[in-house]
Amino acid sequence: DTPDTTARLGHGDAMHVTDIDPHNPGLEIFTVHEGGASAPYGHALRDAATGEVLYGGYTGVDTGRGMVGDVDPERPGLETWGSDVGLWSADGERLGDETPGTNASIRFGAEPTTQLVDGALEVTPTVEDWERGTLLTAEGTRTNNHTKGNPSLVADIWGDWREELLLRTEDSSAIRIYTSTEVTDHKLYTLMHDPQYRVEVARQQTTYNQPSHPGFYLAADMDWSEVPLPR
């Protein structure tokens, strides 16, 4: 879409901007929409530069939760999913009805894949890998924001490209910081050196609790030679 053009996709409940499809030049935007029967798409992947819808689908309902991440490392690109829409590949193939969680994502493993933070209300938070199961059970802690189950923060605060998980204790008297102990063969500057990622971490604390994404392709099949140098 050209500047000042109204896309008319309806109210977006969640938005993720990063390089989702490595075969499409530049960045992409994945959104889910609350417009119900009046929204042309319940979910849509768009080209960030042009606004063109690359794929999507009508749901007719309030599609209130959506997420992106590399949960299937055998497939190129990041997968997208949401409530009532199923799991989709980066090139628009519907992979099935079963989906990972939609509360929060985190990079917590030895490979540059995506894990999910699960647990809301009085449920103990966990870090879940779509293929390997539970990687962490954060006993004695809780998430925030009622059913949305938001951690206090997910960010690469200590370096090495993995992200730390910050959670409040059950009595809200302290913050606990969890970091991955899995040994990785991949070396990369801290994600905080990426301008988009750094701004998105700040946004977690000032506007809306959605995951932070870098401005480059970060996934299991990434070409490390194409990672931009920090400026």
Protein backbone atom coordinates (compact mmCIF):
# COMPACT_ATOMS: atom_id res chain seq x y z
CA ASP A 1 0.00 0.00 0.00
CA THR A 2 1.13 3.54 -0.68
CA PRO A 3 1.49 6.00 2.23
CA ASP A 4 -1.80 7.36 3.60
CA THR A 5 -3.71 4.40 2.16
CA THR A 6 -6.22 2.69 4.45
CA ALA A 7 -5.73 -1.07 4.30
CA ARG A 8 -9.21 -1.80 5.73
CA LEU A 9 -8.14 -5.06 7.32
CA GLY A 10 -9.89 -4.30 10.59
CA HIS A 11 -8.58 -3.95 14.13
CA GLY A 12 -5.40 -5.96 14.63
CA ASP A 13 -5.07 -7.68 18.01
CA ALA A 14 -1.47 -8.85 17.57
CA MET A 15 1.25 -7.82 15.13
CA HIS A 16 4.69 -9.29 14.48
CA VAL A 17 7.25 -7.64 12.20
CA THR A 18 10.44 -9.45 11.17
CA ASP A 19 11.85 -11.49 8.29
CA ILE A 20 9.31 -14.30 8.35
CA ASP A 21 9.75 -15.60 4.80
CA PRO A 22 13.44 -15.62 3.74
CA HIS A 23 12.39 -16.08 0.10
CA ASN A 24 10.42 -12.83 0.08
CA PRO A 25 12.73 -9.77 0.04
CA GLY A 26 12.72 -7.63 3.16
CA LEU A 27 10.48 -7.93 6.20
CA GLU A 28 6.95 -9.22 6.62
CA ILE A 29 4.07 -8.33 8.94
CA PHE A 30 1.83 -10.97 10.49
CA THR A 31 -1.42 -9.82 12.09
CA VAL A 32 -4.58 -11.33 13.50
CA HIS A 33 -7.77 -9.29 13.44
CA GLU A 34 -10.69 -8.77 15.79
CA GLY A 35 -13.16 -7.53 13.21
CA GLY A 36 -15.18 -10.73 13.10
CA ALA A 37 -17.57 -11.06 10.19
CA SER A 38 -16.69 -7.60 8.86
CA ALA A 39 -12.92 -8.20 8.62
CA PRO A 40 -11.67 -9.52 5.27
CA TYR A 41 -8.93 -11.49 7.03
CA GLY A 42 -8.84 -13.14 10.42
CA HIS A 43 -5.09 -13.55 9.88
CA ALA A 44 -2.77 -12.21 7.22
CA LEU A 45 0.91 -12.17 6.30
CA ARG A 46 1.85 -9.00 4.44
CA ASP A 47 4.91 -7.59 2.74
CA ALA A 48 6.18 -4.87 5.07
CA ALA A 49 7.34 -2.62 2.22
CA THR A 50 4.21 -2.75 0.06
CA GLY A 51 1.41 -3.93 2.36
CA GLU A 52 0.54 -6.69 -0.12
CA VAL A 53 -1.19 -9.66 1.50
CA LEU A 54 0.99 -12.70 0.82
CA TYR A 55 -1.48 -15.11 2.39
CA GLY A 56 -4.27 -15.08 4.90
CA GLY A 57 -7.75 -16.30 5.59
CA TYR A 58 -11.22 -15.20 6.59
CA THR A 59 -12.40 -16.44 9.99
CA GLY A 60 -15.60 -14.49 10.62
CA VAL A 61 -14.80 -14.34 14.34
CA ASP A 62 -12.68 -12.30 16.73
CA THR A 63 -9.24 -13.79 16.06
CA GLY A 64 -7.70 -12.50 19.24
CA ARG A 65 -4.32 -14.21 19.53
CA GLY A 66 -1.51 -14.74 17.03
CA MET A 67 2.19 -15.60 17.01
CA VAL A 68 5.17 -16.28 14.72
CA GLY A 69 8.29 -18.34 15.27
CA ASP A 70 10.50 -21.12 14.00
CA VAL A 71 8.78 -24.05 15.71
CA ASP A 72 9.36 -26.50 12.84
CA PRO A 73 13.08 -26.28 11.96
CA GLU A 74 12.64 -28.70 9.05
CA ARG A 75 10.66 -26.08 7.13
CA PRO A 76 12.17 -22.84 5.79
CA GLY A 77 10.97 -19.62 7.33
CA LEU A 78 9.01 -18.86 10.46
CA GLU A 79 5.64 -20.46 11.06
CA THR A 80 2.58 -18.33 11.82
CA TRP A 81 -0.45 -19.31 13.87
CA GLY A 82 -3.37 -17.97 15.82
CA SER A 83 -6.62 -18.81 17.52
CA ASP A 84 -9.08 -20.38 15.08
CA VAL A 85 -6.61 -20.30 12.14
CA GLY A 86 -4.25 -23.26 12.63
CA LEU A 87 -0.52 -23.46 11.92
CA TRP A 88 0.90 -22.07 8.65
CA SER A 89 4.26 -22.19 6.91
CA ALA A 90 6.05 -19.04 5.75
CA ASP A 91 4.97 -19.65 2.16
CA GLY A 92 1.30 -20.05 3.03
CA GLU A 93 0.82 -23.80 3.45
CA ARG A 94 -1.62 -24.78 6.17
CA LEU A 95 0.16 -27.33 8.35
CA GLY A 96 -2.67 -28.36 10.67
CA ASP A 97 -5.13 -27.39 13.36
CA GLU A 98 -2.86 -27.91 16.37
CA THR A 99 -0.86 -24.82 17.32
CA PRO A 100 1.75 -23.75 19.89
CA GLY A 101 0.87 -21.21 22.56
CA THR A 102 0.19 -17.56 21.81
CA ASN A 103 1.01 -15.78 25.07
CA ALA A 104 4.75 -15.14 24.61
CA SER A 105 7.71 -16.51 22.68
CA ILE A 106 11.35 -16.83 23.68
CA ARG A 107 14.64 -18.02 22.15
CA PHE A 108 15.81 -20.42 24.84
CA GLY A 109 17.40 -23.40 23.10
CA ALA A 110 20.79 -24.25 21.62
CA GLU A 111 19.50 -23.73 18.08
CA PRO A 112 17.99 -20.47 16.77
CA THR A 113 14.45 -21.82 16.97
CA THR A 114 11.48 -20.43 18.89
CA GLN A 115 10.09 -21.63 22.19
CA LEU A 116 6.90 -20.51 23.93
CA VAL A 117 6.24 -19.26 27.46
CA ASP A 118 3.14 -20.96 28.84
CA GLY A 119 1.18 -20.41 32.03
CA ALA A 120 -1.36 -17.79 33.07
CA LEU A 121 -3.31 -16.82 36.18
CA GLU A 122 -2.17 -19.18 38.98
CA VAL A 123 -0.44 -21.68 36.67
CA THR A 124 3.34 -22.05 37.07
CA PRO A 125 5.09 -20.63 33.96
CA THR A 126 7.01 -23.01 31.70
CA VAL A 127 9.16 -22.73 28.58
CA GLU A 128 7.86 -25.13 25.95
CA ASP A 129 9.52 -26.39 22.78
CA TRP A 130 7.06 -27.51 20.09
CA GLU A 131 9.14 -30.64 19.38
CA ARG A 132 11.07 -31.33 22.60
CA GLY A 133 8.53 -30.47 25.27
CA THR A 134 9.17 -28.57 28.51
CA LEU A 135 12.60 -26.95 28.81
CA LEU A 136 12.00 -25.02 32.03
CA THR A 137 9.48 -24.99 34.87
CA ALA A 138 9.78 -21.72 36.79
CA GLU A 139 8.57 -22.88 40.20
CA GLY A 140 7.43 -20.19 42.60
CA THR A 141 6.76 -17.58 39.91
CA ARG A 142 3.80 -16.16 38.03
CA THR A 143 3.08 -14.28 34.81
CA ASN A 144 1.03 -11.08 34.50
CA ASN A 145 -1.97 -9.67 32.65
CA HIS A 146 -4.60 -12.25 33.59
CA THR A 147 -5.24 -14.82 30.82
CA LYS A 148 -2.61 -13.29 28.52
CA GLY A 149 0.13 -14.78 30.69
CA ASN A 150 2.79 -12.15 29.96
CA PRO A 151 6.21 -12.51 31.61
CA SER A 152 7.63 -9.41 33.27
CA LEU A 153 10.08 -9.29 30.35
CA VAL A 154 11.56 -11.51 27.65
CA ALA A 155 14.78 -10.03 26.24
CA ASP A 156 18.40 -10.78 25.40
CA ILE A 157 19.80 -8.89 28.36
CA TRP A 158 22.97 -10.94 28.93
CA GLY A 159 24.13 -11.54 25.38
CA ASP A 160 24.80 -14.58 23.14
CA TRP A 161 21.50 -14.09 21.18
CA ARG A 162 19.37 -16.25 23.49
CA GLU A 163 16.75 -14.50 25.57
CA GLU A 164 16.31 -14.32 29.30
CA LEU A 165 12.96 -14.84 31.00
CA LEU A 166 12.06 -12.42 33.78
CA LEU A 167 9.20 -13.42 36.07
CA ARG A 168 7.81 -12.13 39.34
CA THR A 169 7.70 -14.39 42.37
CA GLU A 170 4.31 -15.61 43.54
CA ASP A 171 4.14 -12.91 46.21
CA SER A 172 5.47 -10.22 43.83
CA SER A 173 8.35 -9.47 46.19
CA ALA A 174 11.14 -10.13 43.68
CA ILE A 175 12.01 -10.64 40.03
CA ARG A 176 13.70 -13.87 38.97
CA ILE A 177 15.86 -14.06 35.83
CA TYR A 178 16.09 -17.37 33.97
CA THR A 179 18.71 -17.99 31.28
CA SER A 180 19.33 -20.94 29.00
CA THR A 181 22.05 -23.38 30.06
CA GLU A 182 22.03 -25.31 26.78
CA VAL A 183 25.44 -25.21 25.10
CA THR A 184 25.23 -23.73 21.61
CA ASP A 185 27.62 -23.84 18.67
CA HIS A 186 26.21 -20.57 17.30
CA LYS A 187 27.88 -17.27 18.08
CA LEU A 188 26.14 -13.95 17.45
CA TYR A 189 26.21 -10.48 18.94
CA THR A 190 23.56 -9.73 21.55
CA LEU A 191 20.21 -9.00 19.95
CA MET A 192 20.14 -5.65 21.75
CA HIS A 193 22.64 -4.44 19.12
CA ASP A 194 19.88 -4.74 16.52
CA PRO A 195 17.96 -1.41 16.44
CA GLN A 196 14.55 -2.94 15.78
CA TYR A 197 14.94 -5.52 18.54
CA ARG A 198 16.08 -2.92 21.07
CA VAL A 199 13.09 -0.68 20.35
CA GLU A 200 10.74 -3.66 20.60
CA VAL A 201 12.12 -4.57 24.03
CA ALA A 202 11.34 -1.03 25.18
CA ARG A 203 7.88 -1.38 23.64
CA GLN A 204 7.21 -4.46 25.78
CA GLN A 205 7.33 -2.21 28.83
CA THR A 206 5.58 0.86 27.45
CA THR A 207 2.79 -0.17 25.10
CA TYR A 208 1.92 -3.81 24.42
CA ASN A 209 3.33 -7.11 25.65
CA GLN A 210 4.19 -8.78 22.35
CA PRO A 211 7.47 -10.59 21.59
CA SER A 212 10.50 -8.66 20.36
CA HIS A 213 11.79 -9.56 16.89
CA PRO A 214 15.06 -8.58 15.20
CA GLY A 215 15.16 -6.80 11.87
CA PHE A 216 16.78 -9.80 10.18
CA TYR A 217 16.05 -13.48 9.60
CA LEU A 218 16.73 -15.52 12.74
CA ALA A 219 15.84 -19.20 12.40
CA ALA A 220 17.32 -22.69 12.25
CA ASP A 221 18.08 -22.45 8.52
CA MET A 222 19.50 -18.92 8.57
CA ASP A 223 22.52 -17.98 6.48
CA TRP A 224 24.86 -16.56 9.11
CA SER A 225 26.85 -14.68 6.46
CA GLU A 226 23.78 -12.53 5.77
CA VAL A 227 23.30 -11.34 9.34
CA PRO A 228 23.76 -7.55 9.25
CA LEU A 229 26.62 -6.11 11.25
CA PRO A 230 25.49 -3.91 14.15
CA ARG A 231 25.71 -0.18 13.49
